[in-house]
Amino acid sequence: MSRFLMEGCLKHIPDHFLLVVLASYRARVLASGGVSVLSGEGHKEAIIALQEIAQECCTQESLRDGMVKSLQNFSVLSEHSK
């Protein structure tokens, strides 16, 4: 992993802990069959996830929302479904 890649990621997600959590979530999504917007042939999922974050293919908000939804055990019913 290059220093340049990490610096690019830290520009968009300055908190190191949050970067690790969100990048590992994205890497798990890619490992389970998720589609990458980058051509990362020959690279591991973790590197592809960091590249997507560095190039702003995945925003912090979209990664956080996806992670929260994946961890929820129930969904909140909307007002229209009552």
C-alpha atoms as a PDB file:
ATOM      1  CA  MET A   1       0.000   0.000   0.000  1.00  0.00           C
ATOM      2  CA  SER A   2       1.524   3.286  -1.012  1.00  0.00           C
ATOM      3  CA  ARG A   3       1.837   6.384   1.087  1.00  0.00           C
ATOM      4  CA  PHE A   4       0.257   8.350  -1.762  1.00  0.00           C
ATOM      5  CA  LEU A   5      -2.886   6.192  -1.587  1.00  0.00           C
ATOM      6  CA  MET A   6      -3.222   6.693   2.159  1.00  0.00           C
ATOM      7  CA  GLU A   7      -2.748  10.451   1.871  1.00  0.00           C
ATOM      8  CA  GLY A   8      -5.481  10.534  -0.755  1.00  0.00           C
ATOM      9  CA  CYS A   9      -7.833   8.643   1.541  1.00  0.00           C
ATOM     10  CA  LEU A  10      -7.063  10.846   4.534  1.00  0.00           C
ATOM     11  CA  LYS A  11      -8.017  13.947   2.519  1.00  0.00           C
ATOM     12  CA  HIS A  12     -11.581  12.638   2.315  1.00  0.00           C
ATOM     13  CA  ILE A  13     -11.813  10.806   5.654  1.00  0.00           C
ATOM     14  CA  PRO A  14      -9.380  12.498   8.056  1.00  0.00           C
ATOM     15  CA  ASP A  15     -10.120  10.205  11.018  1.00  0.00           C
ATOM     16  CA  HIS A  16      -7.821   7.165  10.801  1.00  0.00           C
ATOM     17  CA  PHE A  17     -10.182   4.911  12.782  1.00  0.00           C
ATOM     18  CA  LEU A  18     -13.190   5.813  10.649  1.00  0.00           C
ATOM     19  CA  LEU A  19     -11.135   5.251   7.505  1.00  0.00           C
ATOM     20  CA  VAL A  20     -10.235   1.730   8.643  1.00  0.00           C
ATOM     21  CA  VAL A  21     -13.838   0.907   9.546  1.00  0.00           C
ATOM     22  CA  LEU A  22     -15.315   2.215   6.287  1.00  0.00           C
ATOM     23  CA  ALA A  23     -12.591   0.760   4.060  1.00  0.00           C
ATOM     24  CA  SER A  24     -12.941  -2.650   5.691  1.00  0.00           C
ATOM     25  CA  TYR A  25     -16.716  -2.508   5.194  1.00  0.00           C
ATOM     26  CA  ARG A  26     -16.249  -1.670   1.507  1.00  0.00           C
ATOM     27  CA  ALA A  27     -13.657  -4.431   1.131  1.00  0.00           C
ATOM     28  CA  ARG A  28     -16.115  -6.948   2.625  1.00  0.00           C
ATOM     29  CA  VAL A  29     -18.789  -5.777   0.175  1.00  0.00           C
ATOM     30  CA  LEU A  30     -16.371  -6.256  -2.714  1.00  0.00           C
ATOM     31  CA  ALA A  31     -15.293  -9.675  -1.429  1.00  0.00           C
ATOM     32  CA  SER A  32     -18.908 -10.822  -1.249  1.00  0.00           C
ATOM     33  CA  GLY A  33     -19.570  -9.960  -4.884  1.00  0.00           C
ATOM     34  CA  GLY A  34     -20.027  -6.192  -4.882  1.00  0.00           C
ATOM     35  CA  VAL A  35     -19.155  -4.356  -8.071  1.00  0.00           C
ATOM     36  CA  SER A  36     -16.290  -1.883  -8.126  1.00  0.00           C
ATOM     37  CA  VAL A  37     -16.427   1.214 -10.268  1.00  0.00           C
ATOM     38  CA  LEU A  38     -12.663   0.967 -10.754  1.00  0.00           C
ATOM     39  CA  SER A  39     -10.856  -1.683 -12.723  1.00  0.00           C
ATOM     40  CA  GLY A  40      -8.903  -3.326  -9.943  1.00  0.00           C
ATOM     41  CA  GLU A  41      -7.901  -6.534 -11.613  1.00  0.00           C
ATOM     42  CA  GLY A  42      -5.068  -8.206  -9.770  1.00  0.00           C
ATOM     43  CA  HIS A  43      -5.535  -6.144  -6.607  1.00  0.00           C
ATOM     44  CA  LYS A  44      -6.992  -7.300  -3.320  1.00  0.00           C
ATOM     45  CA  GLU A  45     -10.329  -5.964  -2.157  1.00  0.00           C
ATOM     46  CA  ALA A  46      -8.759  -3.779   0.543  1.00  0.00           C
ATOM     47  CA  ILE A  47      -6.616  -1.923  -1.987  1.00  0.00           C
ATOM     48  CA  ILE A  48      -9.562  -1.445  -4.335  1.00  0.00           C
ATOM     49  CA  ALA A  49     -11.664  -0.088  -1.444  1.00  0.00           C
ATOM     50  CA  LEU A  50      -8.941   2.408  -0.525  1.00  0.00           C
ATOM     51  CA  GLN A  51      -8.577   3.450  -4.176  1.00  0.00           C
ATOM     52  CA  GLU A  52     -12.325   4.064  -4.391  1.00  0.00           C
ATOM     53  CA  ILE A  53     -12.192   6.230  -1.266  1.00  0.00           C
ATOM     54  CA  ALA A  54      -9.145   8.162  -2.491  1.00  0.00           C
ATOM     55  CA  GLN A  55     -10.771   8.845  -5.875  1.00  0.00           C
ATOM     56  CA  GLU A  56     -14.128   9.722  -4.265  1.00  0.00           C
ATOM     57  CA  CYS A  57     -16.000   6.902  -5.976  1.00  0.00           C
ATOM     58  CA  CYS A  58     -17.499   6.122  -2.555  1.00  0.00           C
ATOM     59  CA  THR A  59     -18.361   8.966  -0.223  1.00  0.00           C
ATOM     60  CA  GLN A  60     -18.091   8.774   3.528  1.00  0.00           C
ATOM     61  CA  GLU A  61     -21.849   9.203   3.877  1.00  0.00           C
ATOM     62  CA  SER A  62     -22.732   6.448   1.408  1.00  0.00           C
ATOM     63  CA  LEU A  63     -20.321   4.014   3.054  1.00  0.00           C
ATOM     64  CA  ARG A  64     -21.625   4.864   6.517  1.00  0.00           C
ATOM     65  CA  ASP A  65     -25.267   4.505   5.417  1.00  0.00           C
ATOM     66  CA  GLY A  66     -24.552   1.175   3.757  1.00  0.00           C
ATOM     67  CA  MET A  67     -22.757  -0.135   6.825  1.00  0.00           C
ATOM     68  CA  VAL A  68     -25.578   0.944   9.152  1.00  0.00           C
ATOM     69  CA  LYS A  69     -28.196  -0.693   6.919  1.00  0.00           C
ATOM     70  CA  SER A  70     -26.208  -3.920   6.787  1.00  0.00           C
ATOM     71  CA  LEU A  71     -26.054  -4.064  10.584  1.00  0.00           C
ATOM     72  CA  GLN A  72     -29.738  -3.360  11.210  1.00  0.00           C
ATOM     73  CA  ASN A  73     -31.835  -6.306  12.320  1.00  0.00           C
ATOM     74  CA  PHE A  74     -35.127  -4.616  11.496  1.00  0.00           C
ATOM     75  CA  SER A  75     -36.290  -1.851   9.227  1.00  0.00           C
ATOM     76  CA  VAL A  76     -38.280   1.150  10.335  1.00  0.00           C
ATOM     77  CA  LEU A  77     -41.741   1.287   8.807  1.00  0.00           C
ATOM     78  CA  SER A  78     -42.632   4.453   7.005  1.00  0.00           C
ATOM     79  CA  GLU A  79     -45.684   6.553   7.784  1.00  0.00           C
ATOM     80  CA  HIS A  80     -47.435   5.291   4.632  1.00  0.00           C
ATOM     81  CA  SER A  81     -47.297   1.623   5.594  1.00  0.00           C
ATOM     82  CA  LYS A  82     -49.268   1.999   8.866  1.00  0.00           C
END
